[in-house]
């Protein structure tokens, strides 16, 4: 997964599954962050105050 926009350093990152369960939490350390997920599916990624829906194959 990748995003064109750079995230602010220190911004909080959260990945939620379709049921709203938190799959990953973290902090942006270098303007971008790679996140490993256990399986394919649809996820909501929140970074700071923003959010995006992503599909992982």
N, C-alpha and C. Protein backbone atom coordinates (compact mmCIF):
# COMPACT_ATOMS: atom_id res chain seq x y z
N UNK A 1 0.85 -1.16 0.00
CA UNK A 1 0.00 0.00 0.00
C UNK A 1 0.89 1.22 0.00
N UNK A 2 0.50 2.23 -0.70
CA UNK A 2 1.28 3.46 -0.68
C UNK A 2 0.36 4.64 -0.86
N UNK A 3 0.81 5.76 -0.43
CA UNK A 3 0.05 7.01 -0.52
C UNK A 3 0.98 8.07 -1.08
N UNK A 4 0.50 8.89 -1.98
CA UNK A 4 1.34 9.92 -2.60
C UNK A 4 1.71 11.02 -1.62
N UNK A 5 0.77 11.41 -0.76
CA UNK A 5 1.03 12.50 0.17
C UNK A 5 1.91 12.02 1.32
N UNK A 6 2.85 12.88 1.72
CA UNK A 6 3.71 12.57 2.86
C UNK A 6 2.95 12.88 4.14
N UNK A 7 3.07 12.02 5.12
CA UNK A 7 2.44 12.24 6.42
C UNK A 7 3.39 13.04 7.30
N UNK A 8 2.84 13.77 8.24
CA UNK A 8 3.66 14.54 9.16
C UNK A 8 4.43 13.60 10.09
N UNK A 9 5.67 13.94 10.34
CA UNK A 9 6.46 13.17 11.28
C UNK A 9 5.79 13.21 12.65
N UNK A 10 5.72 12.07 13.29
CA UNK A 10 5.12 11.98 14.61
C UNK A 10 3.62 11.77 14.60
N UNK A 11 2.99 11.81 13.39
CA UNK A 11 1.54 11.59 13.31
C UNK A 11 1.22 10.15 13.71
N UNK A 12 0.10 9.97 14.37
CA UNK A 12 -0.33 8.63 14.77
C UNK A 12 -0.98 7.92 13.59
N UNK A 13 -0.70 6.64 13.48
CA UNK A 13 -1.21 5.78 12.42
C UNK A 13 -2.07 4.69 13.04
N UNK A 14 -3.23 4.43 12.43
CA UNK A 14 -4.08 3.33 12.90
C UNK A 14 -4.71 2.67 11.68
N UNK A 15 -4.70 1.34 11.65
CA UNK A 15 -5.33 0.57 10.58
C UNK A 15 -6.46 -0.23 11.20
N UNK A 16 -7.68 -0.07 10.66
CA UNK A 16 -8.85 -0.76 11.16
C UNK A 16 -9.42 -1.68 10.09
N UNK A 17 -9.94 -2.83 10.51
CA UNK A 17 -10.58 -3.73 9.55
C UNK A 17 -12.02 -3.27 9.32
N UNK A 18 -12.77 -4.01 8.49
CA UNK A 18 -14.14 -3.60 8.14
C UNK A 18 -15.08 -3.61 9.34
N UNK A 19 -14.72 -4.33 10.40
CA UNK A 19 -15.54 -4.38 11.61
C UNK A 19 -15.13 -3.33 12.64
N UNK A 20 -14.15 -2.49 12.30
CA UNK A 20 -13.71 -1.44 13.20
C UNK A 20 -12.66 -1.87 14.20
N UNK A 21 -12.17 -3.11 14.08
CA UNK A 21 -11.12 -3.59 14.99
C UNK A 21 -9.78 -3.01 14.59
N UNK A 22 -9.01 -2.58 15.57
CA UNK A 22 -7.69 -2.02 15.30
C UNK A 22 -6.74 -3.17 14.97
N UNK A 23 -6.16 -3.11 13.77
CA UNK A 23 -5.23 -4.14 13.33
C UNK A 23 -3.78 -3.74 13.60
N UNK A 24 -3.48 -2.45 13.46
CA UNK A 24 -2.12 -1.93 13.68
C UNK A 24 -2.21 -0.51 14.22
N UNK A 25 -1.24 -0.16 15.05
CA UNK A 25 -1.07 1.21 15.53
C UNK A 25 0.40 1.55 15.37
N UNK A 26 0.67 2.82 15.20
CA UNK A 26 2.05 3.23 15.10
C UNK A 26 2.18 4.73 15.01
N UNK A 27 3.39 5.17 14.76
CA UNK A 27 3.71 6.58 14.61
C UNK A 27 4.54 6.73 13.34
N UNK A 28 4.24 7.75 12.56
CA UNK A 28 5.00 8.02 11.34
C UNK A 28 6.38 8.54 11.74
N UNK A 29 7.41 7.84 11.30
CA UNK A 29 8.77 8.19 11.69
C UNK A 29 9.56 8.89 10.60
N UNK A 30 9.20 8.68 9.32
CA UNK A 30 10.01 9.25 8.25
C UNK A 30 9.20 9.78 7.07
N UNK A 31 7.98 10.20 7.29
CA UNK A 31 7.14 10.73 6.21
C UNK A 31 6.30 9.69 5.51
N UNK A 32 6.64 8.43 5.69
CA UNK A 32 5.84 7.33 5.17
C UNK A 32 6.05 6.12 6.08
N UNK A 33 5.16 5.17 5.98
CA UNK A 33 5.26 4.01 6.87
C UNK A 33 4.75 2.78 6.14
N UNK A 34 5.48 1.70 6.19
CA UNK A 34 5.05 0.44 5.61
C UNK A 34 4.38 -0.37 6.71
N UNK A 35 3.23 -0.96 6.38
CA UNK A 35 2.46 -1.72 7.36
C UNK A 35 2.17 -3.10 6.80
N UNK A 36 2.54 -4.12 7.54
CA UNK A 36 2.24 -5.50 7.15
C UNK A 36 0.90 -5.89 7.78
N UNK A 37 0.00 -6.46 6.97
CA UNK A 37 -1.30 -6.88 7.47
C UNK A 37 -1.45 -8.39 7.31
N UNK A 38 -2.22 -9.02 8.19
CA UNK A 38 -2.30 -10.48 8.19
C UNK A 38 -3.01 -11.10 6.99
N UNK A 39 -3.90 -10.34 6.33
CA UNK A 39 -4.61 -10.92 5.18
C UNK A 39 -5.13 -9.82 4.27
N UNK A 40 -5.56 -10.21 3.08
CA UNK A 40 -6.12 -9.25 2.15
C UNK A 40 -7.49 -8.81 2.64
N UNK A 41 -7.95 -7.67 2.14
CA UNK A 41 -9.27 -7.17 2.53
C UNK A 41 -9.33 -5.67 2.43
N UNK A 42 -10.40 -5.12 2.95
CA UNK A 42 -10.62 -3.68 2.94
C UNK A 42 -10.31 -3.12 4.33
N UNK A 43 -9.55 -2.04 4.39
CA UNK A 43 -9.13 -1.46 5.65
C UNK A 43 -9.31 0.05 5.61
N UNK A 44 -9.48 0.63 6.78
CA UNK A 44 -9.47 2.08 6.93
C UNK A 44 -8.13 2.44 7.55
N UNK A 45 -7.43 3.37 6.93
CA UNK A 45 -6.14 3.82 7.45
C UNK A 45 -6.31 5.25 7.92
N UNK A 46 -6.03 5.49 9.20
CA UNK A 46 -6.10 6.83 9.77
C UNK A 46 -4.69 7.30 10.08
N UNK A 47 -4.38 8.49 9.60
CA UNK A 47 -3.09 9.12 9.88
C UNK A 47 -3.40 10.54 10.33
N UNK A 48 -3.05 10.85 11.57
CA UNK A 48 -3.42 12.16 12.11
C UNK A 48 -4.92 12.30 12.10
N UNK A 49 -5.42 13.39 11.50
CA UNK A 49 -6.86 13.63 11.43
C UNK A 49 -7.49 13.12 10.15
N UNK A 50 -6.66 12.61 9.22
CA UNK A 50 -7.17 12.12 7.94
C UNK A 50 -7.42 10.62 7.96
N UNK A 51 -8.22 10.17 7.00
CA UNK A 51 -8.52 8.75 6.86
C UNK A 51 -8.70 8.41 5.40
N UNK A 52 -8.37 7.15 5.05
CA UNK A 52 -8.56 6.68 3.68
C UNK A 52 -8.96 5.20 3.72
N UNK A 53 -9.78 4.81 2.77
CA UNK A 53 -10.17 3.41 2.63
C UNK A 53 -9.22 2.78 1.63
N UNK A 54 -8.62 1.63 1.98
CA UNK A 54 -7.70 0.95 1.07
C UNK A 54 -8.10 -0.52 0.95
N UNK A 55 -7.81 -1.09 -0.20
CA UNK A 55 -8.05 -2.50 -0.44
C UNK A 55 -6.70 -3.18 -0.63
N UNK A 56 -6.47 -4.23 0.13
CA UNK A 56 -5.20 -4.97 0.07
C UNK A 56 -5.47 -6.30 -0.61
N UNK A 57 -4.67 -6.61 -1.62
CA UNK A 57 -4.84 -7.87 -2.36
C UNK A 57 -3.85 -8.89 -1.87
